[in-house]
PDB file of all heavy atoms in Angstrom:
ATOM      1  N   GLY A   1      46.781  -1.122  -2.233  1.00  0.00           N
ATOM      2  CA  GLY A   1      46.082   0.156  -2.194  1.00  0.00           C
ATOM      3  C   GLY A   1      47.030   1.328  -2.025  1.00  0.00           C
ATOM      4  O   GLY A   1      46.875   2.380  -2.659  1.00  0.00           O
ATOM      5  N   PHE A   2      48.050   1.159  -1.174  1.00  0.00           N
ATOM      6  CA  PHE A   2      49.053   2.211  -0.982  1.00  0.00           C
ATOM      7  C   PHE A   2      49.818   2.467  -2.280  1.00  0.00           C
ATOM      8  O   PHE A   2      50.040   3.619  -2.675  1.00  0.00           O
ATOM      9  CB  PHE A   2      50.007   1.794   0.137  1.00  0.00           C
ATOM     10  CG  PHE A   2      51.177   2.711   0.319  1.00  0.00           C
ATOM     11  CD1 PHE A   2      51.012   3.979   0.858  1.00  0.00           C
ATOM     12  CD2 PHE A   2      52.459   2.314  -0.063  1.00  0.00           C
ATOM     13  CE1 PHE A   2      52.099   4.835   1.022  1.00  0.00           C
ATOM     14  CE2 PHE A   2      53.544   3.149   0.103  1.00  0.00           C
ATOM     15  CZ  PHE A   2      53.359   4.416   0.642  1.00  0.00           C
ATOM     16  N   LEU A   3      50.215   1.391  -2.974  1.00  0.00           N
ATOM     17  CA  LEU A   3      50.947   1.539  -4.230  1.00  0.00           C
ATOM     18  C   LEU A   3      50.085   2.213  -5.293  1.00  0.00           C
ATOM     19  O   LEU A   3      50.556   3.089  -6.026  1.00  0.00           O
ATOM     20  CB  LEU A   3      51.416   0.169  -4.726  1.00  0.00           C
ATOM     21  CG  LEU A   3      52.426  -0.576  -3.844  1.00  0.00           C
ATOM     22  CD1 LEU A   3      52.768  -1.924  -4.454  1.00  0.00           C
ATOM     23  CD2 LEU A   3      53.686   0.241  -3.638  1.00  0.00           C
ATOM     24  N   LEU A   4      48.808   1.814  -5.390  1.00  0.00           N
ATOM     25  CA  LEU A   4      47.921   2.426  -6.375  1.00  0.00           C
ATOM     26  C   LEU A   4      47.670   3.900  -6.065  1.00  0.00           C
ATOM     27  O   LEU A   4      47.525   4.719  -6.986  1.00  0.00           O
ATOM     28  CB  LEU A   4      46.594   1.667  -6.431  1.00  0.00           C
ATOM     29  CG  LEU A   4      46.648   0.263  -7.037  1.00  0.00           C
ATOM     30  CD1 LEU A   4      45.283  -0.402  -6.957  1.00  0.00           C
ATOM     31  CD2 LEU A   4      47.127   0.316  -8.481  1.00  0.00           C
ATOM     32  N   PHE A   5      47.618   4.246  -4.783  1.00  0.00           N
ATOM     33  CA  PHE A   5      47.454   5.654  -4.408  1.00  0.00           C
ATOM     34  C   PHE A   5      48.629   6.479  -4.922  1.00  0.00           C
ATOM     35  O   PHE A   5      48.444   7.568  -5.487  1.00  0.00           O
ATOM     36  CB  PHE A   5      47.344   5.781  -2.888  1.00  0.00           C
ATOM     37  CG  PHE A   5      47.437   7.203  -2.398  1.00  0.00           C
ATOM     38  CD1 PHE A   5      46.350   8.055  -2.526  1.00  0.00           C
ATOM     39  CD2 PHE A   5      48.608   7.681  -1.837  1.00  0.00           C
ATOM     40  CE1 PHE A   5      46.433   9.376  -2.090  1.00  0.00           C
ATOM     41  CE2 PHE A   5      48.698   9.000  -1.394  1.00  0.00           C
ATOM     42  CZ  PHE A   5      47.607   9.848  -1.528  1.00  0.00           C
ATOM     43  N   ILE A   6      49.856   5.955  -4.738  1.00  0.00           N
ATOM     44  CA  ILE A   6      51.033   6.686  -5.213  1.00  0.00           C
ATOM     45  C   ILE A   6      51.032   6.785  -6.740  1.00  0.00           C
ATOM     46  O   ILE A   6      51.288   7.846  -7.311  1.00  0.00           O
ATOM     47  CB  ILE A   6      52.322   5.989  -4.726  1.00  0.00           C
ATOM     48  CG1 ILE A   6      52.414   6.064  -3.201  1.00  0.00           C
ATOM     49  CG2 ILE A   6      53.551   6.629  -5.364  1.00  0.00           C
ATOM     50  CD1 ILE A   6      53.598   5.338  -2.626  1.00  0.00           C
ATOM     51  N   ILE A   7      50.712   5.664  -7.393  1.00  0.00           N
ATOM     52  CA  ILE A   7      50.784   5.631  -8.858  1.00  0.00           C
ATOM     53  C   ILE A   7      49.712   6.503  -9.504  1.00  0.00           C
ATOM     54  O   ILE A   7      49.983   7.233 -10.470  1.00  0.00           O
ATOM     55  CB  ILE A   7      50.663   4.173  -9.349  1.00  0.00           C
ATOM     56  CG1 ILE A   7      51.896   3.367  -8.928  1.00  0.00           C
ATOM     57  CG2 ILE A   7      50.486   4.110 -10.865  1.00  0.00           C
ATOM     58  CD1 ILE A   7      51.747   1.878  -9.128  1.00  0.00           C
ATOM     59  N   LEU A   8      48.489   6.466  -8.973  1.00  0.00           N
ATOM     60  CA  LEU A   8      47.366   7.115  -9.639  1.00  0.00           C
ATOM     61  C   LEU A   8      47.053   8.513  -9.114  1.00  0.00           C
ATOM     62  O   LEU A   8      46.530   9.344  -9.858  1.00  0.00           O
ATOM     63  CB  LEU A   8      46.113   6.243  -9.515  1.00  0.00           C
ATOM     64  CG  LEU A   8      46.204   4.841 -10.134  1.00  0.00           C
ATOM     65  CD1 LEU A   8      44.936   4.054  -9.855  1.00  0.00           C
ATOM     66  CD2 LEU A   8      46.470   4.929 -11.628  1.00  0.00           C
ATOM     67  N   LEU A   9      47.369   8.778  -7.838  1.00  0.00           N
ATOM     68  CA  LEU A   9      46.917  10.033  -7.236  1.00  0.00           C
ATOM     69  C   LEU A   9      48.039  10.922  -6.704  1.00  0.00           C
ATOM     70  O   LEU A   9      47.969  12.145  -6.823  1.00  0.00           O
ATOM     71  CB  LEU A   9      45.934   9.730  -6.090  1.00  0.00           C
ATOM     72  CG  LEU A   9      44.649   8.994  -6.487  1.00  0.00           C
ATOM     73  CD1 LEU A   9      43.832   8.658  -5.247  1.00  0.00           C
ATOM     74  CD2 LEU A   9      43.835   9.830  -7.455  1.00  0.00           C
ATOM     75  N   ALA A  10      49.050  10.316  -6.107  1.00  0.00           N
ATOM     76  CA  ALA A  10      50.057  11.127  -5.414  1.00  0.00           C
ATOM     77  C   ALA A  10      50.898  11.962  -6.368  1.00  0.00           C
ATOM     78  O   ALA A  10      51.388  13.035  -5.987  1.00  0.00           O
ATOM     79  CB  ALA A  10      50.960  10.225  -4.570  1.00  0.00           C
ATOM     80  N   VAL A  11      51.097  11.486  -7.593  1.00  0.00           N
ATOM     81  CA  VAL A  11      51.901  12.228  -8.577  1.00  0.00           C
ATOM     82  C   VAL A  11      50.957  12.766  -9.646  1.00  0.00           C
ATOM     83  O   VAL A  11      50.450  11.994 -10.466  1.00  0.00           O
ATOM     84  CB  VAL A  11      52.983  11.331  -9.212  1.00  0.00           C
ATOM     85  CG1 VAL A  11      53.836  12.138 -10.188  1.00  0.00           C
ATOM     86  CG2 VAL A  11      53.863  10.703  -8.141  1.00  0.00           C
ATOM     87  N   PRO A  12      50.695  14.077  -9.679  1.00  0.00           N
ATOM     88  CA  PRO A  12      49.810  14.644 -10.714  1.00  0.00           C
ATOM     89  C   PRO A  12      50.397  14.425 -12.105  1.00  0.00           C
ATOM     90  O   PRO A  12      51.606  14.262 -12.275  1.00  0.00           O
ATOM     91  CB  PRO A  12      49.754  16.131 -10.354  1.00  0.00           C
ATOM     92  CG  PRO A  12      50.228  16.224  -8.936  1.00  0.00           C
ATOM     93  CD  PRO A  12      51.183  15.096  -8.736  1.00  0.00           C
ATOM     94  N   ALA A  13      49.521  14.440 -13.105  1.00  0.00           N
ATOM     95  CA  ALA A  13      49.964  14.212 -14.476  1.00  0.00           C
ATOM     96  C   ALA A  13      51.011  15.234 -14.907  1.00  0.00           C
ATOM     97  O   ALA A  13      51.982  14.894 -15.596  1.00  0.00           O
ATOM     98  CB  ALA A  13      48.761  14.249 -15.422  1.00  0.00           C
ATOM     99  N   ALA A  14      50.834  16.479 -14.490  1.00  0.00           N
ATOM    100  CA  ALA A  14      51.779  17.525 -14.890  1.00  0.00           C
ATOM    101  C   ALA A  14      53.162  17.319 -14.276  1.00  0.00           C
ATOM    102  O   ALA A  14      54.164  17.799 -14.811  1.00  0.00           O
ATOM    103  CB  ALA A  14      51.240  18.896 -14.497  1.00  0.00           C
ATOM    104  N   ALA A  15      53.202  16.601 -13.138  1.00  0.00           N
ATOM    105  CA  ALA A  15      54.481  16.395 -12.455  1.00  0.00           C
ATOM    106  C   ALA A  15      55.179  15.103 -12.880  1.00  0.00           C
ATOM    107  O   ALA A  15      56.316  14.861 -12.460  1.00  0.00           O
ATOM    108  CB  ALA A  15      54.246  16.371 -10.941  1.00  0.00           C
ATOM    109  N   LEU A  16      54.525  14.279 -13.701  1.00  0.00           N
ATOM    110  CA  LEU A  16      55.109  12.993 -14.085  1.00  0.00           C
ATOM    111  C   LEU A  16      56.452  13.132 -14.802  1.00  0.00           C
ATOM    112  O   LEU A  16      57.419  12.442 -14.443  1.00  0.00           O
ATOM    113  CB  LEU A  16      54.123  12.221 -14.962  1.00  0.00           C
ATOM    114  CG  LEU A  16      53.281  11.147 -14.276  1.00  0.00           C
ATOM    115  CD1 LEU A  16      52.348  10.489 -15.281  1.00  0.00           C
ATOM    116  CD2 LEU A  16      54.151  10.109 -13.606  1.00  0.00           C
ATOM    117  N   PRO A  17      56.571  14.000 -15.830  1.00  0.00           N
ATOM    118  CA  PRO A  17      57.877  14.112 -16.497  1.00  0.00           C
ATOM    119  C   PRO A  17      58.993  14.508 -15.543  1.00  0.00           C
ATOM    120  O   PRO A  17      60.101  13.973 -15.627  1.00  0.00           O
ATOM    121  CB  PRO A  17      57.632  15.186 -17.566  1.00  0.00           C
ATOM    122  CG  PRO A  17      56.159  15.144 -17.820  1.00  0.00           C
ATOM    123  CD  PRO A  17      55.547  14.828 -16.490  1.00  0.00           C
ATOM    124  N   GLY A  18      58.702  15.430 -14.628  1.00  0.00           N
ATOM    125  CA  GLY A  18      59.722  15.845 -13.665  1.00  0.00           C
ATOM    126  C   GLY A  18      60.100  14.732 -12.714  1.00  0.00           C
ATOM    127  O   GLY A  18      61.279  14.558 -12.379  1.00  0.00           O
ATOM    128  N   TYR A  19      59.096  13.964 -12.280  1.00  0.00           N
ATOM    129  CA  TYR A  19      59.402  12.861 -11.365  1.00  0.00           C
ATOM    130  C   TYR A  19      60.259  11.800 -12.050  1.00  0.00           C
ATOM    131  O   TYR A  19      61.210  11.280 -11.473  1.00  0.00           O
ATOM    132  CB  TYR A  19      58.123  12.224 -10.828  1.00  0.00           C
ATOM    133  CG  TYR A  19      58.410  11.038  -9.933  1.00  0.00           C
ATOM    134  CD1 TYR A  19      58.720  11.231  -8.596  1.00  0.00           C
ATOM    135  CD2 TYR A  19      58.399   9.742 -10.424  1.00  0.00           C
ATOM    136  CE1 TYR A  19      59.021  10.155  -7.769  1.00  0.00           C
ATOM    137  CE2 TYR A  19      58.690   8.665  -9.617  1.00  0.00           C
ATOM    138  CZ  TYR A  19      59.006   8.876  -8.293  1.00  0.00           C
ATOM    139  OH  TYR A  19      59.317   7.808  -7.493  1.00  0.00           O
ATOM    140  N   LEU A  20      59.915  11.459 -13.302  1.00  0.00           N
ATOM    141  CA  LEU A  20      60.669  10.428 -14.010  1.00  0.00           C
ATOM    142  C   LEU A  20      62.113  10.865 -14.278  1.00  0.00           C
ATOM    143  O   LEU A  20      62.977  10.014 -14.504  1.00  0.00           O
ATOM    144  CB  LEU A  20      59.977  10.078 -15.331  1.00  0.00           C
ATOM    145  CG  LEU A  20      58.603   9.414 -15.219  1.00  0.00           C
ATOM    146  CD1 LEU A  20      58.034   9.118 -16.593  1.00  0.00           C
ATOM    147  CD2 LEU A  20      58.666   8.142 -14.382  1.00  0.00           C
ATOM    148  N   ALA A  21      62.374  12.157 -14.263  1.00  0.00           N
ATOM    149  CA  ALA A  21      63.737  12.660 -14.470  1.00  0.00           C
ATOM    150  C   ALA A  21      64.468  12.908 -13.152  1.00  0.00           C
ATOM    151  O   ALA A  21      65.658  13.270 -13.171  1.00  0.00           O
ATOM    152  CB  ALA A  21      63.699  13.948 -15.286  1.00  0.00           C
ATOM    153  N   SER A  22      63.785  12.711 -12.022  1.00  0.00           N
ATOM    154  CA  SER A  22      64.379  13.046 -10.731  1.00  0.00           C
ATOM    155  C   SER A  22      65.453  12.038 -10.329  1.00  0.00           C
ATOM    156  O   SER A  22      65.403  10.863 -10.709  1.00  0.00           O
ATOM    157  CB  SER A  22      63.297  13.081  -9.647  1.00  0.00           C
ATOM    158  OG  SER A  22      62.780  11.772  -9.429  1.00  0.00           O
ATOM    159  N   PRO A  23      66.448  12.468  -9.554  1.00  0.00           N
ATOM    160  CA  PRO A  23      67.478  11.534  -9.074  1.00  0.00           C
ATOM    161  C   PRO A  23      66.899  10.388  -8.258  1.00  0.00           C
ATOM    162  O   PRO A  23      67.401   9.261  -8.334  1.00  0.00           O
ATOM    163  CB  PRO A  23      68.394  12.430  -8.224  1.00  0.00           C
ATOM    164  CG  PRO A  23      68.187  13.811  -8.758  1.00  0.00           C
ATOM    165  CD  PRO A  23      66.751  13.864  -9.176  1.00  0.00           C
ATOM    166  N   TYR A  24      65.857  10.646  -7.476  1.00  0.00           N
ATOM    167  CA  TYR A  24      65.266   9.579  -6.659  1.00  0.00           C
ATOM    168  C   TYR A  24      64.736   8.462  -7.546  1.00  0.00           C
ATOM    169  O   TYR A  24      64.958   7.280  -7.268  1.00  0.00           O
ATOM    170  CB  TYR A  24      64.142  10.144  -5.788  1.00  0.00           C
ATOM    171  CG  TYR A  24      63.542   9.110  -4.864  1.00  0.00           C
ATOM    172  CD1 TYR A  24      64.068   8.886  -3.596  1.00  0.00           C
ATOM    173  CD2 TYR A  24      62.445   8.338  -5.266  1.00  0.00           C
ATOM    174  CE1 TYR A  24      63.530   7.931  -2.754  1.00  0.00           C
ATOM    175  CE2 TYR A  24      61.900   7.383  -4.426  1.00  0.00           C
ATOM    176  CZ  TYR A  24      62.446   7.184  -3.181  1.00  0.00           C
ATOM    177  OH  TYR A  24      61.920   6.222  -2.356  1.00  0.00           O
ATOM    178  N   HIS A  25      64.032   8.837  -8.606  1.00  0.00           N
ATOM    179  CA  HIS A  25      63.500   7.815  -9.519  1.00  0.00           C
ATOM    180  C   HIS A  25      64.623   7.086 -10.241  1.00  0.00           C
ATOM    181  O   HIS A  25      64.565   5.864 -10.415  1.00  0.00           O
ATOM    182  CB  HIS A  25      62.549   8.458 -10.530  1.00  0.00           C
ATOM    183  CG  HIS A  25      62.051   7.514 -11.574  1.00  0.00           C
ATOM    184  ND1 HIS A  25      61.119   6.536 -11.311  1.00  0.00           N
ATOM    185  CD2 HIS A  25      62.395   7.370 -12.886  1.00  0.00           C
ATOM    186  CE1 HIS A  25      60.891   5.842 -12.414  1.00  0.00           C
ATOM    187  NE2 HIS A  25      61.650   6.321 -13.378  1.00  0.00           N
ATOM    188  N   GLN A  26      65.638   7.798 -10.666  1.00  0.00           N
ATOM    189  CA  GLN A  26      66.746   7.166 -11.373  1.00  0.00           C
ATOM    190  C   GLN A  26      67.441   6.113 -10.509  1.00  0.00           C
ATOM    191  O   GLN A  26      67.935   5.111 -11.023  1.00  0.00           O
ATOM    192  CB  GLN A  26      67.761   8.222 -11.810  1.00  0.00           C
ATOM    193  CG  GLN A  26      67.241   9.195 -12.852  1.00  0.00           C
ATOM    194  CD  GLN A  26      68.293  10.204 -13.265  1.00  0.00           C
ATOM    195  OE1 GLN A  26      69.461   9.857 -13.459  1.00  0.00           O
ATOM    196  NE2 GLN A  26      67.890  11.462 -13.400  1.00  0.00           N
ATOM    197  N   ALA A  27      67.459   6.343  -9.201  1.00  0.00           N
ATOM    198  CA  ALA A  27      68.135   5.424  -8.278  1.00  0.00           C
ATOM    199  C   ALA A  27      67.159   4.478  -7.589  1.00  0.00           C
ATOM    200  O   ALA A  27      67.509   3.864  -6.572  1.00  0.00           O
ATOM    201  CB  ALA A  27      68.898   6.224  -7.228  1.00  0.00           C
ATOM    202  N   ALA A  28      65.951   4.313  -8.134  1.00  0.00           N
ATOM    203  CA  ALA A  28      64.924   3.528  -7.449  1.00  0.00           C
ATOM    204  C   ALA A  28      65.357   2.095  -7.192  1.00  0.00           C
ATOM    205  O   ALA A  28      65.067   1.528  -6.131  1.00  0.00           O
ATOM    206  CB  ALA A  28      63.623   3.543  -8.269  1.00  0.00           C
ATOM    207  N   ASP A  29      66.053   1.473  -8.144  1.00  0.00           N
ATOM    208  CA  ASP A  29      66.488   0.085  -7.944  1.00  0.00           C
ATOM    209  C   ASP A  29      67.515  -0.020  -6.830  1.00  0.00           C
ATOM    210  O   ASP A  29      67.474  -0.943  -6.009  1.00  0.00           O
ATOM    211  CB  ASP A  29      67.047  -0.487  -9.246  1.00  0.00           C
ATOM    212  CG  ASP A  29      68.184   0.341  -9.808  1.00  0.00           C
ATOM    213  OD1 ASP A  29      68.028   1.572  -9.918  1.00  0.00           O
ATOM    214  OD2 ASP A  29      69.236  -0.237 -10.136  1.00  0.00           O
ATOM    215  N   MET A  30      68.436   0.934  -6.759  1.00  0.00           N
ATOM    216  CA  MET A  30      69.446   0.908  -5.700  1.00  0.00           C
ATOM    217  C   MET A  30      68.832   1.249  -4.349  1.00  0.00           C
ATOM    218  O   MET A  30      69.250   0.715  -3.315  1.00  0.00           O
ATOM    219  CB  MET A  30      70.588   1.856  -6.049  1.00  0.00           C
ATOM    220  CG  MET A  30      71.365   1.431  -7.294  1.00  0.00           C
ATOM    221  SD  MET A  30      72.805   2.460  -7.666  1.00  0.00           S
ATOM    222  CE  MET A  30      72.011   3.960  -8.268  1.00  0.00           C
ATOM    223  N   LYS A  31      67.829   2.134  -4.337  1.00  0.00           N
ATOM    224  CA  LYS A  31      67.131   2.436  -3.086  1.00  0.00           C
ATOM    225  C   LYS A  31      66.395   1.203  -2.567  1.00  0.00           C
ATOM    226  O   LYS A  31      66.402   0.928  -1.360  1.00  0.00           O
ATOM    227  CB  LYS A  31      66.141   3.585  -3.307  1.00  0.00           C
ATOM    228  CG  LYS A  31      66.763   4.940  -3.545  1.00  0.00           C
ATOM    229  CD  LYS A  31      67.389   5.522  -2.299  1.00  0.00           C
ATOM    230  CE  LYS A  31      66.339   5.986  -1.302  1.00  0.00           C
ATOM    231  NZ  LYS A  31      66.953   6.682  -0.141  1.00  0.00           N
ATOM    232  N   MET A  32      65.780   0.455  -3.478  1.00  0.00           N
ATOM    233  CA  MET A  32      65.082  -0.768  -3.076  1.00  0.00           C
ATOM    234  C   MET A  32      66.059  -1.780  -2.493  1.00  0.00           C
ATOM    235  O   MET A  32      65.800  -2.408  -1.462  1.00  0.00           O
ATOM    236  CB  MET A  32      64.342  -1.360  -4.269  1.00  0.00           C
ATOM    237  CG  MET A  32      63.664  -2.694  -3.988  1.00  0.00           C
ATOM    238  SD  MET A  32      62.272  -2.574  -2.845  1.00  0.00           S
ATOM    239  CE  MET A  32      61.019  -1.903  -3.946  1.00  0.00           C
ATOM    240  N   GLY A  33      67.207  -1.949  -3.140  1.00  0.00           N
ATOM    241  CA  GLY A  33      68.207  -2.874  -2.627  1.00  0.00           C
ATOM    242  C   GLY A  33      68.748  -2.446  -1.278  1.00  0.00           C
ATOM    243  O   GLY A  33      68.923  -3.270  -0.375  1.00  0.00           O
ATOM    244  N   ALA A  34      68.995  -1.141  -1.124  1.00  0.00           N
ATOM    245  CA  ALA A  34      69.530  -0.647   0.146  1.00  0.00           C
ATOM    246  C   ALA A  34      68.530  -0.826   1.276  1.00  0.00           C
ATOM    247  O   ALA A  34      68.924  -1.009   2.440  1.00  0.00           O
ATOM    248  CB  ALA A  34      69.895   0.830   0.000  1.00  0.00           C
ATOM    249  N   PHE A  35      67.228  -0.781   0.966  1.00  0.00           N
ATOM    250  CA  PHE A  35      66.204  -0.940   1.999  1.00  0.00           C
ATOM    251  C   PHE A  35      66.324  -2.294   2.687  1.00  0.00           C
ATOM    252  O   PHE A  35      66.130  -2.404   3.909  1.00  0.00           O
ATOM    253  CB  PHE A  35      64.814  -0.785   1.371  1.00  0.00           C
ATOM    254  CG  PHE A  35      63.686  -0.912   2.363  1.00  0.00           C
ATOM    255  CD1 PHE A  35      63.325   0.160   3.148  1.00  0.00           C
ATOM    256  CD2 PHE A  35      62.988  -2.100   2.501  1.00  0.00           C
ATOM    257  CE1 PHE A  35      62.277   0.050   4.061  1.00  0.00           C
ATOM    258  CE2 PHE A  35      61.944  -2.221   3.403  1.00  0.00           C
ATOM    259  CZ  PHE A  35      61.589  -1.140   4.178  1.00  0.00           C
ATOM    260  N   PHE A  36      66.674  -3.327   1.931  1.00  0.00           N
ATOM    261  CA  PHE A  36      66.739  -4.673   2.495  1.00  0.00           C
ATOM    262  C   PHE A  36      68.158  -5.098   2.894  1.00  0.00           C
ATOM    263  O   PHE A  36      68.321  -5.926   3.791  1.00  0.00           O
ATOM    264  CB  PHE A  36      66.175  -5.692   1.499  1.00  0.00           C
ATOM    265  CG  PHE A  36      64.679  -5.617   1.365  1.00  0.00           C
ATOM    266  CD1 PHE A  36      64.089  -5.033   0.258  1.00  0.00           C
ATOM    267  CD2 PHE A  36      63.857  -6.116   2.361  1.00  0.00           C
ATOM    268  CE1 PHE A  36      62.711  -4.967   0.135  1.00  0.00           C
ATOM    269  CE2 PHE A  36      62.476  -6.054   2.253  1.00  0.00           C
ATOM    270  CZ  PHE A  36      61.910  -5.470   1.137  1.00  0.00           C
ATOM    271  N   PHE A  37      69.170  -4.536   2.233  1.00  0.00           N
ATOM    272  CA  PHE A  37      70.526  -5.003   2.510  1.00  0.00           C
ATOM    273  C   PHE A  37      71.289  -4.090   3.471  1.00  0.00           C
ATOM    274  O   PHE A  37      72.243  -4.523   4.107  1.00  0.00           O
ATOM    275  CB  PHE A  37      71.299  -5.171   1.199  1.00  0.00           C
ATOM    276  CG  PHE A  37      70.786  -6.307   0.365  1.00  0.00           C
ATOM    277  CD1 PHE A  37      69.971  -6.065  -0.731  1.00  0.00           C
ATOM    278  CD2 PHE A  37      71.093  -7.623   0.679  1.00  0.00           C
ATOM    279  CE1 PHE A  37      69.476  -7.114  -1.498  1.00  0.00           C
ATOM    280  CE2 PHE A  37      70.608  -8.674  -0.074  1.00  0.00           C
ATOM    281  CZ  PHE A  37      69.803  -8.415  -1.168  1.00  0.00           C
ATOM    282  N   ASN A  38      70.891  -2.826   3.565  1.00  0.00           N
ATOM    283  CA  ASN A  38      71.432  -1.944   4.604  1.00  0.00           C
ATOM    284  C   ASN A  38      70.325  -1.746   5.640  1.00  0.00           C
ATOM    285  O   ASN A  38      69.633  -0.731   5.654  1.00  0.00           O
ATOM    286  CB  ASN A  38      71.871  -0.600   4.010  1.00  0.00           C
ATOM    287  CG  ASN A  38      73.018  -0.763   3.037  1.00  0.00           C
ATOM    288  OD1 ASN A  38      73.794  -1.715   3.136  1.00  0.00           O
ATOM    289  ND2 ASN A  38      73.137   0.154   2.092  1.00  0.00           N
TER     290      ASN A  38
END
C-alpha cells in the first residue's frame, strides 16, 4: 500500500518527467544497495 501510494499518488503526472530525470532517481539502485550494506 505504501509503494502504491508513492507510485500512483505521491508523484503527480506533471512532475513525472522531472522526477525520472532527478539525481535521486538516477541513483535509485545504489541508494537501495547502500540502505542494506551501509
